[in-house]
Amino acid sequence: MSQEQLIKNVEDSKQYSSNFKVDGDAATATRKSQLPEMAGLISQNNAHNVVANPTETIGVQVVKPQIQSTGQLGSQSEQRGDITIGEALEATALTAGHRPVDYSDAAAIQAAEVRATGRTNIVPGGVAAAAQSAATRNARVPRDEDKTKLGEILSDASSKLPSDKPVTRRDAEGVIGAELRNDPNLCTRPGGVAASVAAAARLNQTNSLASSTNIINDNNKLN
């Protein structure tokens, strides 16, 4: 599938789903159904391709977490069916679940958790703590088949987060920075945590722009 076809498929699916307003469990189910689509986008791109010009703002530094306000913004995000950080981590289990967890993965997962929860510390028993433990253990295990895999850590990431939020570009930049800083070659992994979060940010941004366009068109019709 070409890049143009991939983008068209994403746009078509967003246009179709924008005709329906869902919230609560229905919104969650809608977002879950988008994960395979997002996994396809991730497999075609690395983190730098999915987030346009990420080095404009991040370099190799982790962006400090920002706690977003809830209310109308959160309600609009739910109605659009935006992908959350937890769901983006779960998408990594689809694209790179077979890969052993290493320190760059753990750093990216920690950055994602911090942004999802708004906390500056790791949640005890959470997904970041599990990833760090797995990375430490894997560093001492000689055979890859005996190492803890990303899929084991991230397959139910949403349930391990005490709070969650839709992925934004700034979230993606922070996760990309964490993965870059902790990789020996200063690279992000194709299909990895950073690429998954970046793909979610791109889909959410596309969805938001489409929603804004629809609102403007509706207002013009009323006037």
N, C-alpha and C. Protein backbone atom coordinates (compact mmCIF):
# COMPACT_ATOMS: atom_id res chain seq x y z
N MET A 1 0.85 -1.19 0.00
CA MET A 1 0.00 0.00 0.00
C MET A 1 0.88 1.24 0.00
N SER A 2 0.59 2.20 -0.93
CA SER A 2 1.39 3.41 -1.00
C SER A 2 1.03 4.34 0.15
N GLN A 3 1.90 5.35 0.36
CA GLN A 3 1.63 6.32 1.42
C GLN A 3 0.34 7.06 1.13
N GLU A 4 0.08 7.40 -0.17
CA GLU A 4 -1.14 8.12 -0.52
C GLU A 4 -2.38 7.29 -0.22
N GLN A 5 -2.32 5.99 -0.54
CA GLN A 5 -3.45 5.11 -0.26
C GLN A 5 -3.69 4.98 1.24
N LEU A 6 -2.59 4.88 1.99
CA LEU A 6 -2.70 4.76 3.45
C LEU A 6 -3.38 5.98 4.03
N ILE A 7 -2.95 7.17 3.61
CA ILE A 7 -3.55 8.40 4.12
C ILE A 7 -5.02 8.47 3.73
N LYS A 8 -5.36 8.06 2.49
CA LYS A 8 -6.75 8.09 2.05
C LYS A 8 -7.61 7.17 2.90
N ASN A 9 -7.09 5.98 3.22
CA ASN A 9 -7.84 5.05 4.05
C ASN A 9 -8.12 5.62 5.43
N VAL A 10 -7.09 6.28 6.00
CA VAL A 10 -7.28 6.90 7.31
C VAL A 10 -8.32 7.99 7.23
N GLU A 11 -8.25 8.85 6.19
CA GLU A 11 -9.20 9.94 6.05
C GLU A 11 -10.61 9.41 5.85
N ASP A 12 -10.77 8.35 5.02
CA ASP A 12 -12.10 7.78 4.77
C ASP A 12 -12.72 7.25 6.04
N SER A 13 -11.91 6.57 6.85
CA SER A 13 -12.45 6.01 8.09
C SER A 13 -12.85 7.11 9.05
N LYS A 14 -12.08 8.22 9.09
CA LYS A 14 -12.42 9.33 9.98
C LYS A 14 -13.71 10.01 9.50
N GLN A 15 -13.86 10.18 8.18
CA GLN A 15 -15.05 10.83 7.65
C GLN A 15 -16.29 10.01 7.96
N TYR A 16 -16.16 8.69 7.86
CA TYR A 16 -17.29 7.82 8.16
C TYR A 16 -17.67 7.89 9.63
N SER A 17 -16.67 7.81 10.51
CA SER A 17 -16.97 7.79 11.95
C SER A 17 -17.42 9.13 12.47
N SER A 18 -17.10 10.24 11.75
CA SER A 18 -17.48 11.56 12.23
C SER A 18 -18.98 11.79 12.17
N ASN A 19 -19.72 10.93 11.46
CA ASN A 19 -21.16 11.06 11.38
C ASN A 19 -21.86 10.58 12.65
N PHE A 20 -21.13 9.97 13.56
CA PHE A 20 -21.73 9.39 14.74
C PHE A 20 -21.09 9.99 15.98
N LYS A 21 -21.88 10.35 16.97
CA LYS A 21 -21.39 10.87 18.23
C LYS A 21 -21.44 9.75 19.26
N VAL A 22 -20.30 9.41 19.83
CA VAL A 22 -20.26 8.33 20.81
C VAL A 22 -19.53 8.82 22.04
N ASP A 23 -19.88 8.27 23.19
CA ASP A 23 -19.15 8.59 24.41
C ASP A 23 -19.17 7.38 25.32
N GLY A 24 -18.47 7.51 26.45
CA GLY A 24 -18.46 6.41 27.41
C GLY A 24 -17.89 5.14 26.82
N ASP A 25 -18.56 4.00 27.10
CA ASP A 25 -18.09 2.70 26.62
C ASP A 25 -18.07 2.65 25.11
N ALA A 26 -19.04 3.31 24.46
CA ALA A 26 -19.08 3.29 23.00
C ALA A 26 -17.87 3.99 22.41
N ALA A 27 -17.46 5.11 23.03
CA ALA A 27 -16.27 5.82 22.55
C ALA A 27 -15.04 4.96 22.72
N THR A 28 -14.94 4.28 23.85
CA THR A 28 -13.79 3.40 24.09
C THR A 28 -13.74 2.29 23.06
N ALA A 29 -14.89 1.69 22.76
CA ALA A 29 -14.94 0.62 21.76
C ALA A 29 -14.53 1.14 20.39
N THR A 30 -14.96 2.38 20.06
CA THR A 30 -14.58 2.96 18.78
C THR A 30 -13.08 3.15 18.69
N ARG A 31 -12.48 3.66 19.77
CA ARG A 31 -11.03 3.87 19.77
C ARG A 31 -10.29 2.54 19.69
N LYS A 32 -10.78 1.54 20.41
CA LYS A 32 -10.13 0.23 20.38
C LYS A 32 -10.15 -0.33 18.96
N SER A 33 -11.24 -0.09 18.24
CA SER A 33 -11.34 -0.61 16.88
C SER A 33 -10.37 0.08 15.94
N GLN A 34 -9.87 1.27 16.33
CA GLN A 34 -8.92 2.00 15.50
C GLN A 34 -7.49 1.52 15.69
N LEU A 35 -7.23 0.73 16.72
CA LEU A 35 -5.86 0.33 17.01
C LEU A 35 -5.22 -0.45 15.87
N PRO A 36 -5.92 -1.42 15.24
CA PRO A 36 -5.29 -2.10 14.10
C PRO A 36 -4.98 -1.14 12.96
N GLU A 37 -5.87 -0.16 12.72
CA GLU A 37 -5.62 0.84 11.69
C GLU A 37 -4.37 1.64 12.03
N MET A 38 -4.25 2.04 13.30
CA MET A 38 -3.09 2.79 13.74
C MET A 38 -1.84 1.95 13.64
N ALA A 39 -1.95 0.65 13.95
CA ALA A 39 -0.80 -0.24 13.83
C ALA A 39 -0.30 -0.28 12.40
N GLY A 40 -1.25 -0.25 11.44
CA GLY A 40 -0.85 -0.21 10.03
C GLY A 40 -0.10 1.05 9.69
N LEU A 41 -0.55 2.18 10.24
CA LEU A 41 0.15 3.44 10.01
C LEU A 41 1.54 3.41 10.62
N ILE A 42 1.64 2.84 11.82
CA ILE A 42 2.93 2.76 12.49
C ILE A 42 3.91 1.92 11.69
N SER A 43 3.42 0.80 11.12
CA SER A 43 4.30 -0.11 10.40
C SER A 43 4.86 0.53 9.14
N GLN A 44 4.20 1.58 8.64
CA GLN A 44 4.65 2.25 7.43
C GLN A 44 5.58 3.43 7.72
N ASN A 45 5.68 3.82 8.99
CA ASN A 45 6.42 5.02 9.35
C ASN A 45 7.21 4.81 10.62
N ASN A 46 8.28 5.60 10.77
CA ASN A 46 8.90 5.68 12.08
C ASN A 46 8.42 6.94 12.77
N ALA A 47 8.87 7.17 13.97
CA ALA A 47 8.33 8.29 14.75
C ALA A 47 8.57 9.62 14.06
N HIS A 48 9.70 9.78 13.40
CA HIS A 48 10.02 11.06 12.77
C HIS A 48 9.12 11.32 11.57
N ASN A 49 8.74 10.26 10.85
CA ASN A 49 7.87 10.43 9.71
C ASN A 49 6.44 10.72 10.12
N VAL A 50 6.00 10.16 11.24
CA VAL A 50 4.61 10.32 11.66
C VAL A 50 4.37 11.69 12.25
N VAL A 51 5.30 12.21 13.04
CA VAL A 51 5.19 13.56 13.57
C VAL A 51 6.06 14.47 12.72
N ALA A 52 5.45 15.44 12.07
CA ALA A 52 6.19 16.28 11.14
C ALA A 52 7.21 17.13 11.88
N ASN A 53 8.46 17.09 11.38
CA ASN A 53 9.54 17.92 11.91
C ASN A 53 9.65 17.89 13.42
N PRO A 54 9.80 16.71 14.04
CA PRO A 54 9.84 16.67 15.50
C PRO A 54 11.05 17.36 16.10
N THR A 55 12.16 17.45 15.34
CA THR A 55 13.37 18.04 15.90
C THR A 55 13.27 19.55 16.01
N GLU A 56 12.17 20.15 15.51
CA GLU A 56 12.02 21.59 15.65
C GLU A 56 11.97 22.00 17.12
N THR A 57 11.40 21.11 17.96
CA THR A 57 11.18 21.50 19.34
C THR A 57 11.83 20.60 20.36
N ILE A 58 12.20 19.36 19.97
CA ILE A 58 12.64 18.46 21.03
C ILE A 58 14.12 18.18 21.05
N GLY A 59 14.78 18.17 19.88
CA GLY A 59 16.16 17.70 19.86
C GLY A 59 16.21 16.33 20.48
N VAL A 60 16.99 16.17 21.55
CA VAL A 60 17.01 14.90 22.27
C VAL A 60 16.63 15.12 23.73
N GLN A 61 15.85 16.16 23.98
CA GLN A 61 15.44 16.47 25.34
C GLN A 61 14.00 16.03 25.57
N VAL A 62 13.72 15.56 26.77
CA VAL A 62 12.36 15.18 27.13
C VAL A 62 11.59 16.43 27.51
N VAL A 63 10.43 16.62 26.88
CA VAL A 63 9.59 17.77 27.20
C VAL A 63 8.90 17.54 28.53
N LYS A 64 8.86 18.56 29.39
CA LYS A 64 8.22 18.41 30.69
C LYS A 64 6.73 18.16 30.52
N PRO A 65 6.13 17.34 31.41
CA PRO A 65 4.71 17.03 31.28
C PRO A 65 3.84 18.24 31.54
N GLN A 66 2.72 18.30 30.82
CA GLN A 66 1.73 19.34 31.04
C GLN A 66 0.42 18.67 31.38
N ILE A 67 -0.24 19.14 32.42
CA ILE A 67 -1.53 18.60 32.81
C ILE A 67 -2.60 19.38 32.08
N GLN A 68 -3.35 18.70 31.20
CA GLN A 68 -4.38 19.37 30.45
C GLN A 68 -5.65 19.47 31.27
N SER A 69 -6.37 20.58 31.09
CA SER A 69 -7.63 20.74 31.80
C SER A 69 -8.69 19.85 31.18
N THR A 70 -9.64 19.42 32.02
CA THR A 70 -10.73 18.60 31.54
C THR A 70 -11.93 19.48 31.25
N GLY A 71 -13.10 18.90 31.10
CA GLY A 71 -14.29 19.68 30.82
C GLY A 71 -14.67 19.57 29.37
N GLN A 72 -14.93 20.73 28.73
CA GLN A 72 -15.42 20.73 27.37
C GLN A 72 -14.41 20.11 26.42
N LEU A 73 -13.11 20.40 26.62
CA LEU A 73 -12.09 19.84 25.75
C LEU A 73 -12.09 18.33 25.83
N GLY A 74 -12.17 17.79 27.06
CA GLY A 74 -12.18 16.35 27.22
C GLY A 74 -13.41 15.73 26.60
N SER A 75 -14.57 16.40 26.74
CA SER A 75 -15.80 15.89 26.16
C SER A 75 -15.71 15.85 24.65
N GLN A 76 -15.15 16.89 24.04
CA GLN A 76 -15.00 16.92 22.59
C GLN A 76 -14.06 15.83 22.12
N SER A 77 -13.00 15.57 22.87
CA SER A 77 -12.06 14.52 22.50
C SER A 77 -12.73 13.16 22.54
N GLU A 78 -13.57 12.93 23.55
CA GLU A 78 -14.27 11.65 23.64
C GLU A 78 -15.23 11.49 22.49
N GLN A 79 -15.95 12.56 22.13
CA GLN A 79 -16.89 12.48 21.04
C GLN A 79 -16.19 12.17 19.73
N ARG A 80 -14.99 12.71 19.54
CA ARG A 80 -14.25 12.43 18.31
C ARG A 80 -13.65 11.04 18.32
N GLY A 81 -13.61 10.40 19.47
CA GLY A 81 -12.99 9.08 19.55
C GLY A 81 -11.48 9.14 19.48
N ASP A 82 -10.87 10.19 20.09
CA ASP A 82 -9.42 10.33 20.04
C ASP A 82 -8.72 9.15 20.72
N ILE A 83 -7.55 8.79 20.19
CA ILE A 83 -6.73 7.72 20.76
C ILE A 83 -6.05 8.24 22.02
N THR A 84 -6.12 7.48 23.10
CA THR A 84 -5.47 7.88 24.35
C THR A 84 -4.04 7.35 24.41
N ILE A 85 -3.29 7.85 25.38
CA ILE A 85 -1.91 7.40 25.55
C ILE A 85 -1.88 5.91 25.87
N GLY A 86 -2.77 5.46 26.76
CA GLY A 86 -2.81 4.04 27.08
C GLY A 86 -3.08 3.18 25.87
N GLU A 87 -3.99 3.62 25.02
CA GLU A 87 -4.31 2.86 23.82
C GLU A 87 -3.16 2.88 22.82
N ALA A 88 -2.43 3.99 22.76
CA ALA A 88 -1.25 4.05 21.89
C ALA A 88 -0.19 3.06 22.35
N LEU A 89 -0.03 2.93 23.67
CA LEU A 89 0.92 1.94 24.19
C LEU A 89 0.46 0.53 23.84
N GLU A 90 -0.85 0.29 23.91
CA GLU A 90 -1.36 -1.02 23.55
C GLU A 90 -1.13 -1.32 22.07
N ALA A 91 -1.16 -0.28 21.23
CA ALA A 91 -0.88 -0.48 19.81
C ALA A 91 0.55 -0.97 19.59
N THR A 92 1.46 -0.55 20.47
CA THR A 92 2.85 -1.03 20.37
C THR A 92 2.92 -2.54 20.55
N ALA A 93 2.02 -3.07 21.38
CA ALA A 93 1.99 -4.52 21.56
C ALA A 93 1.62 -5.23 20.27
N LEU A 94 0.88 -4.54 19.38
CA LEU A 94 0.51 -5.12 18.09
C LEU A 94 1.65 -5.03 17.08
N THR A 95 2.43 -3.95 17.16
CA THR A 95 3.46 -3.71 16.15
C THR A 95 4.84 -4.22 16.54
N ALA A 96 5.13 -4.26 17.84
CA ALA A 96 6.47 -4.65 18.30
C ALA A 96 6.40 -5.51 19.54
N GLY A 97 5.29 -6.20 19.72
CA GLY A 97 5.11 -6.99 20.93
C GLY A 97 6.09 -8.13 21.10
N HIS A 98 6.70 -8.56 19.99
CA HIS A 98 7.65 -9.69 20.04
C HIS A 98 9.04 -9.26 20.49
N ARG A 99 9.28 -7.95 20.57
CA ARG A 99 10.63 -7.46 20.84
C ARG A 99 10.90 -7.38 22.33
N PRO A 100 12.10 -7.79 22.78
CA PRO A 100 12.45 -7.66 24.20
C PRO A 100 12.47 -6.20 24.64
N VAL A 101 12.06 -5.95 25.85
CA VAL A 101 12.05 -4.59 26.41
C VAL A 101 13.48 -4.17 26.72
N ASP A 102 13.89 -2.99 26.26
CA ASP A 102 15.21 -2.47 26.62
C ASP A 102 15.04 -1.11 27.31
N TYR A 103 16.18 -0.49 27.63
CA TYR A 103 16.11 0.75 28.42
C TYR A 103 15.47 1.90 27.65
N SER A 104 15.64 1.95 26.34
CA SER A 104 15.00 3.03 25.58
C SER A 104 13.48 2.84 25.56
N ASP A 105 13.03 1.59 25.49
CA ASP A 105 11.59 1.32 25.58
C ASP A 105 11.06 1.77 26.94
N ALA A 106 11.77 1.39 27.99
CA ALA A 106 11.32 1.73 29.35
C ALA A 106 11.25 3.25 29.54
N ALA A 107 12.23 3.97 29.00
CA ALA A 107 12.23 5.43 29.12
C ALA A 107 11.05 6.04 28.38
N ALA A 108 10.77 5.53 27.19
CA ALA A 108 9.64 6.04 26.41
C ALA A 108 8.32 5.75 27.11
N ILE A 109 8.20 4.56 27.68
CA ILE A 109 6.98 4.18 28.39
C ILE A 109 6.80 5.06 29.63
N GLN A 110 7.90 5.34 30.33
CA GLN A 110 7.82 6.22 31.50
C GLN A 110 7.36 7.61 31.09
N ALA A 111 7.92 8.14 30.00
CA ALA A 111 7.51 9.47 29.53
C ALA A 111 6.04 9.48 29.16
N ALA A 112 5.56 8.39 28.56
CA ALA A 112 4.14 8.31 28.20
C ALA A 112 3.27 8.27 29.45
N GLU A 113 3.68 7.49 30.45
CA GLU A 113 2.90 7.40 31.69
C GLU A 113 2.84 8.75 32.40
N VAL A 114 3.96 9.44 32.47
CA VAL A 114 4.01 10.75 33.13
C VAL A 114 3.04 11.72 32.47
N ARG A 115 2.98 11.69 31.15
CA ARG A 115 2.08 12.59 30.44
C ARG A 115 0.62 12.18 30.61
N ALA A 116 0.38 10.89 30.69
CA ALA A 116 -1.00 10.41 30.87
C ALA A 116 -1.54 10.77 32.24
N THR A 117 -0.70 10.65 33.26
CA THR A 117 -1.16 10.84 34.64
C THR A 117 -0.97 12.25 35.17
N GLY A 118 -0.05 13.00 34.56
CA GLY A 118 0.27 14.33 35.08
C GLY A 118 1.18 14.29 36.28
N ARG A 119 1.67 13.12 36.65
CA ARG A 119 2.58 12.98 37.79
C ARG A 119 4.02 13.05 37.31
N THR A 120 4.91 13.37 38.24
CA THR A 120 6.34 13.40 37.90
C THR A 120 7.05 12.14 38.34
N ASN A 121 6.36 11.29 39.08
CA ASN A 121 6.98 10.06 39.56
C ASN A 121 6.28 8.84 38.95
N ILE A 122 6.98 7.70 38.97
CA ILE A 122 6.43 6.47 38.42
C ILE A 122 5.34 5.94 39.34
N VAL A 123 4.28 5.44 38.74
CA VAL A 123 3.18 4.85 39.51
C VAL A 123 3.61 3.46 39.99
N PRO A 124 3.60 3.20 41.29
CA PRO A 124 3.96 1.86 41.78
C PRO A 124 3.05 0.80 41.17
N GLY A 125 3.66 -0.24 40.61
CA GLY A 125 2.88 -1.29 39.99
C GLY A 125 2.31 -0.94 38.63
N GLY A 126 2.69 0.23 38.12
CA GLY A 126 2.16 0.68 36.84
C GLY A 126 2.96 0.16 35.66
N VAL A 127 2.59 0.64 34.47
CA VAL A 127 3.20 0.14 33.25
C VAL A 127 4.67 0.57 33.15
N ALA A 128 5.01 1.77 33.61
CA ALA A 128 6.40 2.23 33.56
C ALA A 128 7.28 1.42 34.51
N ALA A 129 6.77 1.15 35.70
CA ALA A 129 7.52 0.35 36.67
C ALA A 129 7.77 -1.05 36.12
N ALA A 130 6.76 -1.63 35.48
CA ALA A 130 6.91 -2.95 34.89
C ALA A 130 7.93 -2.94 33.76
N ALA A 131 7.93 -1.88 32.96
CA ALA A 131 8.87 -1.78 31.85
C ALA A 131 10.30 -1.63 32.35
N GLN A 132 10.51 -0.81 33.38
CA GLN A 132 11.85 -0.63 33.93
C GLN A 132 12.37 -1.94 34.53
N SER A 133 11.51 -2.64 35.23
CA SER A 133 11.90 -3.92 35.81
C SER A 133 12.27 -4.92 34.72
N ALA A 134 11.48 -4.93 33.64
CA ALA A 134 11.74 -5.85 32.53
C ALA A 134 13.05 -5.51 31.83
N ALA A 135 13.31 -4.21 31.63
CA ALA A 135 14.55 -3.80 30.96
C ALA A 135 15.77 -4.18 31.79
N THR A 136 15.69 -3.99 33.10
CA THR A 136 16.80 -4.36 33.98
C THR A 136 17.04 -5.86 33.95
N ARG A 137 15.98 -6.62 34.01
CA ARG A 137 16.10 -8.08 33.96
C ARG A 137 16.64 -8.54 32.61
N ASN A 138 16.11 -7.98 31.53
CA ASN A 138 16.53 -8.39 30.19
C ASN A 138 18.01 -8.14 29.94
N ALA A 139 18.55 -7.08 30.56
CA ALA A 139 19.97 -6.76 30.38
C ALA A 139 20.87 -7.85 30.93
N ARG A 140 20.34 -8.67 31.84
CA ARG A 140 21.13 -9.74 32.44
C ARG A 140 20.83 -11.11 31.82
N VAL A 141 19.85 -11.17 30.95
CA VAL A 141 19.45 -12.45 30.35
C VAL A 141 20.11 -12.59 28.99
N PRO A 142 20.87 -13.66 28.75
CA PRO A 142 21.62 -13.77 27.50
C PRO A 142 20.76 -14.08 26.27
N ARG A 143 19.72 -14.88 26.42
CA ARG A 143 18.95 -15.32 25.26
C ARG A 143 17.67 -14.49 25.09
N ASP A 144 17.43 -14.02 23.85
CA ASP A 144 16.26 -13.20 23.59
C ASP A 144 14.96 -13.93 23.91
N GLU A 145 14.93 -15.24 23.66
CA GLU A 145 13.69 -15.98 23.89
C GLU A 145 13.30 -16.04 25.36
N ASP A 146 14.26 -15.77 26.25
CA ASP A 146 13.98 -15.79 27.68
C ASP A 146 13.67 -14.40 28.25
N LYS A 147 13.75 -13.38 27.41
CA LYS A 147 13.55 -12.02 27.88
C LYS A 147 12.07 -11.64 27.87
N THR A 148 11.72 -10.67 28.70
CA THR A 148 10.35 -10.16 28.73
C THR A 148 10.11 -9.29 27.51
N LYS A 149 9.00 -9.52 26.84
CA LYS A 149 8.70 -8.83 25.59
C LYS A 149 7.78 -7.63 25.83
N LEU A 150 7.80 -6.71 24.87
CA LEU A 150 6.96 -5.52 24.96
C LEU A 150 5.48 -5.88 25.05
N GLY A 151 5.08 -6.91 24.33
CA GLY A 151 3.68 -7.31 24.36
C GLY A 151 3.21 -7.71 25.75
N GLU A 152 4.10 -8.31 26.53
CA GLU A 152 3.74 -8.72 27.89
C GLU A 152 3.51 -7.51 28.80
N ILE A 153 4.20 -6.43 28.51
CA ILE A 153 4.11 -5.22 29.34
C ILE A 153 2.96 -4.32 28.89
N LEU A 154 2.73 -4.24 27.58
CA LEU A 154 1.86 -3.19 27.04
C LEU A 154 0.49 -3.67 26.57
N SER A 155 0.24 -4.97 26.57
CA SER A 155 -1.03 -5.45 26.01
C SER A 155 -2.24 -4.92 26.76
N ASP A 156 -2.11 -4.61 28.03
CA ASP A 156 -3.22 -4.04 28.82
C ASP A 156 -2.78 -2.75 29.50
N ALA A 157 -2.04 -1.93 28.76
CA ALA A 157 -1.45 -0.71 29.35
C ALA A 157 -2.51 0.23 29.93
N SER A 158 -3.65 0.35 29.26
CA SER A 158 -4.68 1.28 29.73
C SER A 158 -5.14 0.97 31.14
N SER A 159 -5.25 -0.31 31.45
CA SER A 159 -5.74 -0.70 32.78
C SER A 159 -4.70 -0.45 33.87
N LYS A 160 -3.44 -0.25 33.48
CA LYS A 160 -2.37 0.00 34.45
C LYS A 160 -2.14 1.49 34.71
N LEU A 161 -2.86 2.34 33.98
CA LEU A 161 -2.72 3.78 34.16
C LEU A 161 -3.85 4.28 35.06
N PRO A 162 -3.53 4.98 36.15
CA PRO A 162 -4.58 5.51 37.02
C PRO A 162 -5.42 6.58 36.35
N SER A 163 -4.87 7.24 35.34
CA SER A 163 -5.61 8.20 34.53
C SER A 163 -5.02 8.20 33.13
N ASP A 164 -5.79 8.71 32.18
CA ASP A 164 -5.37 8.67 30.79
C ASP A 164 -5.86 9.92 30.09
N LYS A 165 -5.36 10.19 28.90
CA LYS A 165 -5.76 11.37 28.15
C LYS A 165 -5.49 11.15 26.67
N PRO A 166 -6.18 11.87 25.78
CA PRO A 166 -5.89 11.77 24.35
C PRO A 166 -4.46 12.22 24.05
N VAL A 167 -3.84 11.58 23.09
CA VAL A 167 -2.46 11.90 22.73
C VAL A 167 -2.42 13.21 21.94
N THR A 168 -1.50 14.09 22.30
CA THR A 168 -1.25 15.32 21.55
C THR A 168 0.15 15.26 20.94
N ARG A 169 0.41 16.23 20.08
CA ARG A 169 1.74 16.28 19.47
C ARG A 169 2.82 16.49 20.54
N ARG A 170 2.54 17.31 21.54
CA ARG A 170 3.55 17.54 22.58
C ARG A 170 3.81 16.27 23.38
N ASP A 171 2.78 15.47 23.58
CA ASP A 171 2.99 14.17 24.22
C ASP A 171 3.94 13.33 23.37
N ALA A 172 3.68 13.31 22.07
CA ALA A 172 4.52 12.51 21.17
C ALA A 172 5.96 13.00 21.18
N GLU A 173 6.14 14.31 21.19
CA GLU A 173 7.50 14.86 21.21
C GLU A 173 8.24 14.45 22.47
N GLY A 174 7.54 14.45 23.61
CA GLY A 174 8.17 14.04 24.85
C GLY A 174 8.59 12.58 24.85
N VAL A 175 7.72 11.73 24.30
CA VAL A 175 8.03 10.30 24.24
C VAL A 175 9.17 10.03 23.26
N ILE A 176 9.14 10.71 22.12
CA ILE A 176 10.23 10.57 21.15
C ILE A 176 11.56 10.98 21.78
N GLY A 177 11.56 12.10 22.50
CA GLY A 177 12.79 12.57 23.14
C GLY A 177 13.33 11.57 24.13
N ALA A 178 12.44 10.95 24.92
CA ALA A 178 12.88 9.97 25.91
C ALA A 178 13.49 8.75 25.23
N GLU A 179 12.86 8.29 24.15
CA GLU A 179 13.38 7.11 23.46
C GLU A 179 14.73 7.42 22.80
N LEU A 180 14.85 8.60 22.22
CA LEU A 180 16.10 9.00 21.58
C LEU A 180 17.24 9.08 22.59
N ARG A 181 17.00 9.73 23.71
CA ARG A 181 18.06 9.95 24.70
C ARG A 181 18.61 8.65 25.27
N ASN A 182 17.79 7.63 25.31
CA ASN A 182 18.19 6.38 25.96
C ASN A 182 18.55 5.28 24.97
N ASP A 183 18.60 5.62 23.69
CA ASP A 183 19.04 4.66 22.68
C ASP A 183 20.53 4.89 22.40
N PRO A 184 21.35 3.83 22.36
CA PRO A 184 22.79 4.01 22.14
C PRO A 184 23.12 4.74 20.84
N ASN A 185 22.25 4.57 19.83
CA ASN A 185 22.49 5.20 18.53
C ASN A 185 21.65 6.46 18.33
N LEU A 186 20.99 6.92 19.40
CA LEU A 186 20.13 8.10 19.32
C LEU A 186 19.09 7.96 18.21
N CYS A 187 18.46 6.80 18.17
CA CYS A 187 17.45 6.51 17.16
C CYS A 187 16.16 6.05 17.83
N THR A 188 15.04 6.25 17.14
CA THR A 188 13.78 5.65 17.59
C THR A 188 13.60 4.34 16.85
N ARG A 189 12.81 3.45 17.44
CA ARG A 189 12.61 2.12 16.87
C ARG A 189 11.40 2.11 15.93
N PRO A 190 11.55 1.58 14.72
CA PRO A 190 10.38 1.43 13.85
C PRO A 190 9.32 0.57 14.53
N GLY A 191 8.10 1.08 14.59
CA GLY A 191 7.02 0.35 15.22
C GLY A 191 7.06 0.34 16.73
N GLY A 192 7.98 1.11 17.33
CA GLY A 192 8.15 1.10 18.78
C GLY A 192 7.22 2.05 19.50
N VAL A 193 7.53 2.30 20.76
CA VAL A 193 6.68 3.12 21.61
C VAL A 193 6.53 4.53 21.04
N ALA A 194 7.64 5.16 20.69
CA ALA A 194 7.59 6.53 20.17
C ALA A 194 6.79 6.60 18.88
N ALA A 195 6.99 5.63 17.99
CA ALA A 195 6.26 5.61 16.73
C ALA A 195 4.77 5.44 16.96
N SER A 196 4.40 4.62 17.94
CA SER A 196 2.98 4.40 18.24
C SER A 196 2.32 5.66 18.77
N VAL A 197 2.98 6.32 19.71
CA VAL A 197 2.42 7.54 20.28
C VAL A 197 2.37 8.64 19.22
N ALA A 198 3.38 8.70 18.36
CA ALA A 198 3.39 9.69 17.29
C ALA A 198 2.26 9.45 16.31
N ALA A 199 2.02 8.19 15.96
CA ALA A 199 0.92 7.86 15.04
C ALA A 199 -0.42 8.25 15.65
N ALA A 200 -0.59 8.01 16.94
CA ALA A 200 -1.84 8.38 17.62
C ALA A 200 -2.03 9.90 17.59
N ALA A 201 -0.94 10.64 17.82
CA ALA A 201 -1.02 12.10 17.79
C ALA A 201 -1.43 12.59 16.41
N ARG A 202 -0.87 11.99 15.38
CA ARG A 202 -1.21 12.38 14.01
C ARG A 202 -2.68 12.09 13.71
N LEU A 203 -3.16 10.92 14.10
CA LEU A 203 -4.57 10.58 13.87
C LEU A 203 -5.49 11.52 14.64
N ASN A 204 -5.14 11.82 15.87
CA ASN A 204 -5.96 12.73 16.67
C ASN A 204 -5.98 14.13 16.06
N GLN A 205 -4.83 14.57 15.57
CA GLN A 205 -4.75 15.90 14.97
C GLN A 205 -5.61 15.96 13.71
N THR A 206 -5.55 14.91 12.89
CA THR A 206 -6.37 14.84 11.69
C THR A 206 -7.85 14.85 12.05
N ASN A 207 -8.19 14.08 13.07
CA ASN A 207 -9.58 14.01 13.52
C ASN A 207 -10.07 15.35 14.04
N SER A 208 -9.20 16.05 14.77
CA SER A 208 -9.56 17.35 15.33
C SER A 208 -9.79 18.39 14.23
N LEU A 209 -8.91 18.38 13.23
CA LEU A 209 -9.06 19.32 12.12
C LEU A 209 -10.34 19.06 11.34
N ALA A 210 -10.65 17.78 11.14
CA ALA A 210 -11.87 17.42 10.42
C ALA A 210 -13.10 17.86 11.21
N SER A 211 -13.04 17.68 12.54
CA SER A 211 -14.16 18.08 13.39
C SER A 211 -14.35 19.59 13.36
N SER A 212 -13.25 20.34 13.41
CA SER A 212 -13.33 21.80 13.37
C SER A 212 -13.92 22.28 12.05
N THR A 213 -13.52 21.63 10.96
CA THR A 213 -14.04 21.99 9.64
C THR A 213 -15.53 21.75 9.57
N ASN A 214 -15.98 20.63 10.14
CA ASN A 214 -17.41 20.33 10.14
C ASN A 214 -18.20 21.36 10.93
N ILE A 215 -17.64 21.80 12.07
CA ILE A 215 -18.32 22.81 12.89
C ILE A 215 -18.44 24.12 12.14
N ILE A 216 -17.35 24.53 11.46
CA ILE A 216 -17.36 25.77 10.69
C ILE A 216 -18.40 25.69 9.57
N ASN A 217 -18.44 24.56 8.88
CA ASN A 217 -19.40 24.38 7.79
C ASN A 217 -20.83 24.44 8.31
N ASP A 218 -21.06 23.81 9.47
CA ASP A 218 -22.40 23.83 10.06
C ASP A 218 -22.81 25.25 10.45
N ASN A 219 -21.87 26.01 11.01
CA ASN A 219 -22.17 27.39 11.39
C ASN A 219 -22.46 28.26 10.17
N ASN A 220 -21.72 28.02 9.09
CA ASN A 220 -21.95 28.78 7.86
C ASN A 220 -23.34 28.50 7.29
N LYS A 221 -23.78 27.25 7.42
CA LYS A 221 -25.11 26.90 6.93
C LYS A 221 -26.20 27.60 7.74
N LEU A 222 -25.96 27.71 9.06
CA LEU A 222 -26.95 28.37 9.92
C LEU A 222 -27.04 29.86 9.63
N ASN A 223 -25.89 30.42 9.23
CA ASN A 223 -25.87 31.86 8.93
C ASN A 223 -26.35 32.15 7.52
